[in-house]
Amino acid sequence: LFEDKLVFRPGETTVVTGYPGHGKSTLLFGIMVEAATKGHKVVIASMEMPVTQQLIIMAKQFYSRCDITKEQLAAFIEWTVGRIYCLDVYGMVSVEDVIGLMEYGAKRFGCRFAVIDSIMKLNINSEDFEGQRLVTNKLTCFAKENKMHLFLVAHPRKGMTENEKLGMLDVKGAQDIIAQPDN
């Protein structure tokens, strides 16, 4: 991707974190659009926003415009067929369902990139660190077994202000959320 200046290796998992509203999803949608323009198939499970909103954001990125016409949106949606698979999963979802849908994307359509946005929308108790460890293990193993690059959004724990600099130890939940993934 990105003229080989930024590479996401198959079989690896990357955790993306940041404050709410600072652009984690937007960044990942942009990476998925770029991957699709390079001929890669991608699957997105963004449980934090409806598919229509995801497509509008990606269409704006595709056209490099803040405002797009209905015709441009329709043309973009047509272009995504066979390239970008947005799973219609919104709200709380079981880990098994998300992995099953991602696996279907990998095996049926040959998807090589995947986004799960976010781990807090998977049906794991926020206090269940062992459950979070097991889920993170399932996700990283899934990426390796399917030779996909998996992007996992993990929100930070609450800080004093959103101006504080975040580090990887600021991810909310079990330390395994950042310890098991590759990046």
C-alpha atoms as a PDB file:
ATOM      1  CA  LEU A   1       0.000   0.000   0.000  1.00  0.00           C
ATOM      2  CA  PHE A   2       0.982   3.634  -0.308  1.00  0.00           C
ATOM      3  CA  GLU A   3       3.697   2.970  -2.917  1.00  0.00           C
ATOM      4  CA  ASP A   4       5.458   0.509  -0.565  1.00  0.00           C
ATOM      5  CA  LYS A   5       6.207   3.280   1.951  1.00  0.00           C
ATOM      6  CA  LEU A   6       3.719   1.847   4.425  1.00  0.00           C
ATOM      7  CA  VAL A   7       3.314  -1.933   4.507  1.00  0.00           C
ATOM      8  CA  PHE A   8       0.853  -4.036   6.470  1.00  0.00           C
ATOM      9  CA  ARG A   9       2.066  -7.636   6.478  1.00  0.00           C
ATOM     10  CA  PRO A  10      -0.304 -10.586   5.967  1.00  0.00           C
ATOM     11  CA  GLY A  11      -1.113 -12.539   9.103  1.00  0.00           C
ATOM     12  CA  GLU A  12      -0.480  -9.665  11.495  1.00  0.00           C
ATOM     13  CA  THR A  13      -2.755  -7.677  13.777  1.00  0.00           C
ATOM     14  CA  THR A  14      -2.473  -3.935  14.379  1.00  0.00           C
ATOM     15  CA  VAL A  15      -4.173  -2.208  17.306  1.00  0.00           C
ATOM     16  CA  VAL A  16      -5.347   1.346  16.655  1.00  0.00           C
ATOM     17  CA  THR A  17      -6.208   3.545  19.616  1.00  0.00           C
ATOM     18  CA  GLY A  18      -7.020   7.166  20.276  1.00  0.00           C
ATOM     19  CA  TYR A  19      -9.570   9.416  21.866  1.00  0.00           C
ATOM     20  CA  PRO A  20     -13.193   9.248  20.697  1.00  0.00           C
ATOM     21  CA  GLY A  21     -13.767  11.497  17.707  1.00  0.00           C
ATOM     22  CA  HIS A  22     -10.081  11.826  16.813  1.00  0.00           C
ATOM     23  CA  GLY A  23     -10.331   9.784  13.607  1.00  0.00           C
ATOM     24  CA  LYS A  24      -9.489   6.122  14.261  1.00  0.00           C
ATOM     25  CA  SER A  25     -12.312   4.859  12.054  1.00  0.00           C
ATOM     26  CA  THR A  26     -11.709   7.522   9.426  1.00  0.00           C
ATOM     27  CA  LEU A  27      -8.017   6.572   9.261  1.00  0.00           C
ATOM     28  CA  LEU A  28      -8.847   2.877   8.867  1.00  0.00           C
ATOM     29  CA  PHE A  29     -11.519   3.549   6.241  1.00  0.00           C
ATOM     30  CA  GLY A  30      -8.901   5.515   4.294  1.00  0.00           C
ATOM     31  CA  ILE A  31      -6.443   2.637   4.513  1.00  0.00           C
ATOM     32  CA  MET A  32      -9.153   0.224   3.323  1.00  0.00           C
ATOM     33  CA  VAL A  33     -10.038   2.471   0.360  1.00  0.00           C
ATOM     34  CA  GLU A  34      -6.337   2.673  -0.553  1.00  0.00           C
ATOM     35  CA  ALA A  35      -6.006  -1.117  -0.264  1.00  0.00           C
ATOM     36  CA  ALA A  36      -9.047  -1.591  -2.515  1.00  0.00           C
ATOM     37  CA  THR A  37      -7.636   0.797  -5.135  1.00  0.00           C
ATOM     38  CA  LYS A  38      -4.497  -1.376  -5.162  1.00  0.00           C
ATOM     39  CA  GLY A  39      -6.552  -4.495  -5.919  1.00  0.00           C
ATOM     40  CA  HIS A  40      -6.880  -5.896  -2.392  1.00  0.00           C
ATOM     41  CA  LYS A  41     -10.229  -7.055  -1.064  1.00  0.00           C
ATOM     42  CA  VAL A  42     -11.180  -5.820   2.390  1.00  0.00           C
ATOM     43  CA  VAL A  43     -13.829  -6.581   4.993  1.00  0.00           C
ATOM     44  CA  ILE A  44     -14.977  -4.096   7.615  1.00  0.00           C
ATOM     45  CA  ALA A  45     -16.954  -4.775  10.792  1.00  0.00           C
ATOM     46  CA  SER A  46     -17.585  -1.343  12.254  1.00  0.00           C
ATOM     47  CA  MET A  47     -20.091  -1.854  15.003  1.00  0.00           C
ATOM     48  CA  GLU A  48     -19.931   1.828  15.933  1.00  0.00           C
ATOM     49  CA  MET A  49     -21.655   3.303  12.871  1.00  0.00           C
ATOM     50  CA  PRO A  50     -24.185   2.207  10.263  1.00  0.00           C
ATOM     51  CA  VAL A  51     -22.896   0.944   6.902  1.00  0.00           C
ATOM     52  CA  THR A  52     -24.380   3.950   5.082  1.00  0.00           C
ATOM     53  CA  GLN A  53     -22.270   6.331   7.187  1.00  0.00           C
ATOM     54  CA  GLN A  54     -19.168   4.207   6.564  1.00  0.00           C
ATOM     55  CA  LEU A  55     -19.738   4.328   2.794  1.00  0.00           C
ATOM     56  CA  ILE A  56     -20.219   8.101   2.800  1.00  0.00           C
ATOM     57  CA  ILE A  57     -16.924   8.594   4.674  1.00  0.00           C
ATOM     58  CA  MET A  58     -15.078   6.243   2.303  1.00  0.00           C
ATOM     59  CA  ALA A  59     -16.617   7.892  -0.777  1.00  0.00           C
ATOM     60  CA  LYS A  60     -15.362  11.279   0.413  1.00  0.00           C
ATOM     61  CA  GLN A  61     -11.901   9.758   0.851  1.00  0.00           C
ATOM     62  CA  PHE A  62     -12.059   8.091  -2.552  1.00  0.00           C
ATOM     63  CA  TYR A  63     -12.891  11.383  -4.279  1.00  0.00           C
ATOM     64  CA  SER A  64     -10.676  13.458  -1.921  1.00  0.00           C
ATOM     65  CA  ARG A  65     -13.603  15.799  -1.276  1.00  0.00           C
ATOM     66  CA  CYS A  66     -15.541  16.889   1.800  1.00  0.00           C
ATOM     67  CA  ASP A  67     -18.717  17.140  -0.233  1.00  0.00           C
ATOM     68  CA  ILE A  68     -19.845  14.596  -2.784  1.00  0.00           C
ATOM     69  CA  THR A  69     -22.879  14.337  -4.997  1.00  0.00           C
ATOM     70  CA  LYS A  70     -25.461  11.574  -4.865  1.00  0.00           C
ATOM     71  CA  GLU A  71     -24.134  10.429  -8.235  1.00  0.00           C
ATOM     72  CA  GLN A  72     -20.585  10.197  -6.887  1.00  0.00           C
ATOM     73  CA  LEU A  73     -21.813   8.229  -3.870  1.00  0.00           C
ATOM     74  CA  ALA A  74     -23.744   5.851  -6.121  1.00  0.00           C
ATOM     75  CA  ALA A  75     -20.710   5.410  -8.392  1.00  0.00           C
ATOM     76  CA  PHE A  76     -18.477   4.749  -5.381  1.00  0.00           C
ATOM     77  CA  ILE A  77     -20.872   2.159  -3.970  1.00  0.00           C
ATOM     78  CA  GLU A  78     -20.931   0.453  -7.374  1.00  0.00           C
ATOM     79  CA  TRP A  79     -17.105   0.541  -7.424  1.00  0.00           C
ATOM     80  CA  THR A  80     -16.928  -1.166  -3.998  1.00  0.00           C
ATOM     81  CA  VAL A  81     -18.680  -4.308  -5.276  1.00  0.00           C
ATOM     82  CA  GLY A  82     -16.135  -7.118  -5.135  1.00  0.00           C
ATOM     83  CA  ARG A  83     -13.627  -4.880  -3.333  1.00  0.00           C
ATOM     84  CA  ILE A  84     -14.959  -3.606  -0.003  1.00  0.00           C
ATOM     85  CA  TYR A  85     -17.294  -5.725   2.123  1.00  0.00           C
ATOM     86  CA  CYS A  86     -18.940  -3.778   4.937  1.00  0.00           C
ATOM     87  CA  LEU A  87     -20.591  -6.114   7.387  1.00  0.00           C
ATOM     88  CA  ASP A  88     -23.984  -4.929   8.542  1.00  0.00           C
ATOM     89  CA  VAL A  89     -23.271  -5.395  12.227  1.00  0.00           C
ATOM     90  CA  TYR A  90     -24.119  -2.525  14.538  1.00  0.00           C
ATOM     91  CA  GLY A  91     -24.086  -2.439  18.318  1.00  0.00           C
ATOM     92  CA  MET A  92     -22.985  -5.316  20.534  1.00  0.00           C
ATOM     93  CA  VAL A  93     -21.940  -8.415  18.565  1.00  0.00           C
ATOM     94  CA  SER A  94     -20.630 -11.826  19.570  1.00  0.00           C
ATOM     95  CA  VAL A  95     -16.987 -12.591  18.909  1.00  0.00           C
ATOM     96  CA  GLU A  96     -17.967 -15.803  17.132  1.00  0.00           C
ATOM     97  CA  ASP A  97     -20.301 -13.944  14.747  1.00  0.00           C
ATOM     98  CA  VAL A  98     -17.652 -11.357  13.825  1.00  0.00           C
ATOM     99  CA  ILE A  99     -14.962 -13.991  13.302  1.00  0.00           C
ATOM    100  CA  GLY A 100     -17.395 -16.100  11.263  1.00  0.00           C
ATOM    101  CA  LEU A 101     -18.232 -13.155   9.014  1.00  0.00           C
ATOM    102  CA  MET A 102     -14.556 -12.220   8.656  1.00  0.00           C
ATOM    103  CA  GLU A 103     -13.687 -15.815   7.823  1.00  0.00           C
ATOM    104  CA  TYR A 104     -16.432 -15.869   5.194  1.00  0.00           C
ATOM    105  CA  GLY A 105     -14.899 -12.728   3.676  1.00  0.00           C
ATOM    106  CA  ALA A 106     -11.462 -14.334   3.648  1.00  0.00           C
ATOM    107  CA  LYS A 107     -12.448 -17.722   2.245  1.00  0.00           C
ATOM    108  CA  ARG A 108     -15.330 -16.775  -0.075  1.00  0.00           C
ATOM    109  CA  PHE A 109     -14.066 -13.448  -1.415  1.00  0.00           C
ATOM    110  CA  GLY A 110     -10.309 -13.527  -0.769  1.00  0.00           C
ATOM    111  CA  CYS A 111     -10.252 -10.541   1.581  1.00  0.00           C
ATOM    112  CA  ARG A 112      -6.731  -9.779   2.793  1.00  0.00           C
ATOM    113  CA  PHE A 113      -7.441  -6.822   5.062  1.00  0.00           C
ATOM    114  CA  ALA A 114      -9.967  -6.634   7.895  1.00  0.00           C
ATOM    115  CA  VAL A 115     -11.137  -4.024  10.379  1.00  0.00           C
ATOM    116  CA  ILE A 116     -12.893  -4.679  13.677  1.00  0.00           C
ATOM    117  CA  ASP A 117     -14.132  -1.391  15.106  1.00  0.00           C
ATOM    118  CA  SER A 118     -14.073  -1.832  18.058  1.00  0.00           C
ATOM    119  CA  ILE A 119     -13.196  -4.435  20.665  1.00  0.00           C
ATOM    120  CA  MET A 120     -15.560  -2.721  23.124  1.00  0.00           C
ATOM    121  CA  LYS A 121     -18.480  -3.655  20.816  1.00  0.00           C
ATOM    122  CA  LEU A 122     -17.689  -7.358  21.135  1.00  0.00           C
ATOM    123  CA  ASN A 123     -19.719  -9.167  23.788  1.00  0.00           C
ATOM    124  CA  ILE A 124     -16.975  -9.250  26.424  1.00  0.00           C
ATOM    125  CA  ASN A 125     -17.390  -7.785  29.875  1.00  0.00           C
ATOM    126  CA  SER A 126     -15.097  -4.765  30.252  1.00  0.00           C
ATOM    127  CA  GLU A 127     -13.892  -6.169  33.590  1.00  0.00           C
ATOM    128  CA  ASP A 128     -13.236  -9.683  32.240  1.00  0.00           C
ATOM    129  CA  PHE A 129      -9.514  -9.490  31.497  1.00  0.00           C
ATOM    130  CA  GLU A 130      -9.225 -13.250  30.966  1.00  0.00           C
ATOM    131  CA  GLY A 131     -12.063 -13.098  28.435  1.00  0.00           C
ATOM    132  CA  GLN A 132     -10.340 -10.183  26.690  1.00  0.00           C
ATOM    133  CA  ARG A 133      -7.090 -12.176  26.587  1.00  0.00           C
ATOM    134  CA  LEU A 134      -8.875 -15.133  25.000  1.00  0.00           C
ATOM    135  CA  VAL A 135     -10.691 -12.935  22.449  1.00  0.00           C
ATOM    136  CA  THR A 136      -7.474 -11.151  21.486  1.00  0.00           C
ATOM    137  CA  ASN A 137      -5.835 -14.548  21.041  1.00  0.00           C
ATOM    138  CA  LYS A 138      -8.719 -15.703  18.803  1.00  0.00           C
ATOM    139  CA  LEU A 139      -8.428 -12.567  16.680  1.00  0.00           C
ATOM    140  CA  THR A 140      -4.649 -12.713  16.271  1.00  0.00           C
ATOM    141  CA  CYS A 141      -4.813 -16.433  15.439  1.00  0.00           C
ATOM    142  CA  PHE A 142      -7.597 -15.721  12.938  1.00  0.00           C
ATOM    143  CA  ALA A 143      -5.400 -13.144  11.175  1.00  0.00           C
ATOM    144  CA  LYS A 144      -2.442 -15.536  11.019  1.00  0.00           C
ATOM    145  CA  GLU A 145      -4.492 -18.537   9.859  1.00  0.00           C
ATOM    146  CA  ASN A 146      -6.213 -16.513   7.121  1.00  0.00           C
ATOM    147  CA  LYS A 147      -3.119 -14.513   6.115  1.00  0.00           C
ATOM    148  CA  MET A 148      -5.074 -11.306   6.626  1.00  0.00           C
ATOM    149  CA  HIS A 149      -3.903  -8.080   8.146  1.00  0.00           C
ATOM    150  CA  LEU A 150      -6.393  -7.339  10.924  1.00  0.00           C
ATOM    151  CA  PHE A 151      -6.867  -3.839  12.328  1.00  0.00           C
ATOM    152  CA  LEU A 152      -8.422  -3.817  15.779  1.00  0.00           C
ATOM    153  CA  VAL A 153      -9.716  -0.586  17.308  1.00  0.00           C
ATOM    154  CA  ALA A 154      -9.249  -0.422  21.085  1.00  0.00           C
ATOM    155  CA  HIS A 155     -10.367   2.628  23.020  1.00  0.00           C
ATOM    156  CA  PRO A 156      -8.200   4.200  25.714  1.00  0.00           C
ATOM    157  CA  ARG A 157      -9.167   4.295  29.351  1.00  0.00           C
ATOM    158  CA  LYS A 158     -10.481   7.619  30.548  1.00  0.00           C
ATOM    159  CA  GLY A 159      -7.768  10.196  31.185  1.00  0.00           C
ATOM    160  CA  MET A 160      -7.847  13.571  32.807  1.00  0.00           C
ATOM    161  CA  THR A 161      -8.200  15.438  29.481  1.00  0.00           C
ATOM    162  CA  GLU A 162      -8.113  14.521  25.807  1.00  0.00           C
ATOM    163  CA  ASN A 163      -4.960  16.617  25.470  1.00  0.00           C
ATOM    164  CA  GLU A 164      -2.922  14.013  27.351  1.00  0.00           C
ATOM    165  CA  LYS A 165      -0.521  12.063  25.175  1.00  0.00           C
ATOM    166  CA  LEU A 166      -1.639   8.438  24.800  1.00  0.00           C
ATOM    167  CA  GLY A 167       0.677   5.470  24.910  1.00  0.00           C
ATOM    168  CA  MET A 168      -0.030   1.835  24.267  1.00  0.00           C
ATOM    169  CA  LEU A 169      -0.385   1.171  27.997  1.00  0.00           C
ATOM    170  CA  ASP A 170      -3.387   3.522  27.998  1.00  0.00           C
ATOM    171  CA  VAL A 171      -5.592   1.049  26.109  1.00  0.00           C
ATOM    172  CA  LYS A 172      -8.631   0.180  28.215  1.00  0.00           C
ATOM    173  CA  GLY A 173      -8.858  -3.442  29.318  1.00  0.00           C
ATOM    174  CA  ALA A 174      -6.504  -6.371  29.576  1.00  0.00           C
ATOM    175  CA  GLN A 175      -2.847  -5.826  28.745  1.00  0.00           C
ATOM    176  CA  ASP A 176      -3.165  -8.723  26.287  1.00  0.00           C
ATOM    177  CA  ILE A 177      -5.093  -6.384  23.962  1.00  0.00           C
ATOM    178  CA  ILE A 178      -1.753  -4.719  23.223  1.00  0.00           C
ATOM    179  CA  ALA A 179       0.628  -7.564  24.107  1.00  0.00           C
ATOM    180  CA  GLN A 180      -0.639 -10.199  21.659  1.00  0.00           C
ATOM    181  CA  PRO A 181      -1.012  -8.193  18.417  1.00  0.00           C
ATOM    182  CA  ASP A 182       2.033  -7.567  16.231  1.00  0.00           C
ATOM    183  CA  ASN A 183       1.722  -3.809  15.988  1.00  0.00           C
END
